[in-house]
């Protein structure tokens, strides 16, 4: 299928990347590669964020990833953070699910690359707006979506989700939480009680060893589950005992000004974790 025609002028960080196992190679049969797209947001510009993310998603697939995850609300650049954006402008950034044009492009990309794609966006559902993460399968089908439940400052414009689904894959059942959901033990417990084998957490708030990592470690320890945390400035994996399996920090900014795209502050990367499956 026809992908986007794009050029990538910034270096892509792909530590520990290895090619996918050859067909018939059983040495990696018990694990699956997960990639986190660590990328700064361009606030309120869906087209720019799509164009920035697509080369990294392609890099992740080339590196052998079968599950690829963006940050929270990568598509709109987490526009809810800026309440100075006029309400109608903000609402117009919402993507209808399953029929939105940007989502259609992401579905075609997942189909082309043969990956599960987990992508964050502002969802438009009638008059309501949700902070949503979609799960797309390697055939480009929408498997489902998760709506953020703990909104905090977002509640002035967004509606909280009320469901805690899990998503079937050939590798195991995936649970999704978004950012502040990780601070609520009961939200994570409900998802795990539904059989989740792994938790994915697209995020965009607190990060780093002081403010974020101990929270994620606690949720892993409580539920005996691995959590993969993907943020504009951090990729973190915590193991079932709460141990840090992998942590990569990439700058200290969440946003990039359009004028500074590809500049020194526009750090980005593809980071991998090989998840041992059942």
Foldseek 3Di string as FASTA:
>chain_A
DDADDADDDADAAEPPQDAADDPPDCPQVQWAKEKEWQFFAAAQAQVVLLRVCLVQVVVCLRSRHQEYEYAFASRRRPNLVDPVPDLVSVLVQAAEPPDGPSLQNVLVSLQVSQHWYWYWHWHDDPQAIFGKIWTAGNNSHTQGMDTEADQVSSVVHHDHDDDWEWGDDPQFIETEHEAVVLQDLVSLVVNVVNPHQAYEYRYEDDDDDPPPLQSNLVSLQVSLHWYWYHYNFKTWIAGNNSHTPDIDGWADDRHDHPVQVSHPRGTIYMYMDIGRGD
